[in-house]
């Protein structure tokens, strides 16, 4: 019986690993270096303190950045160029 229990435990461990792997592959959390690049790009246009930065569509999204004339959501390219800026109400 003991070998069968060990085998079942091994199967359960592999199954758990396979179920978590897709979540790791879809990670949209930027690295520290990517965050710094996004923040630097926002700073160049006078904006700071986004509440959230995510990888999105091959680039980045920064939400609720505080700018002189209001609060904005930004989309940036992979090389940190601002693609769009949308004012939040």
Foldseek 3Di string as FASTA:
>chain_A
DVVVVVVVVVVVVVVVVVVCVVVVVPAFADDPVLVVLQQVLQVVQAWHDFVDWTHDPQWIWTAQIQHPVATWIFTAHNNNHTDDIGGDD
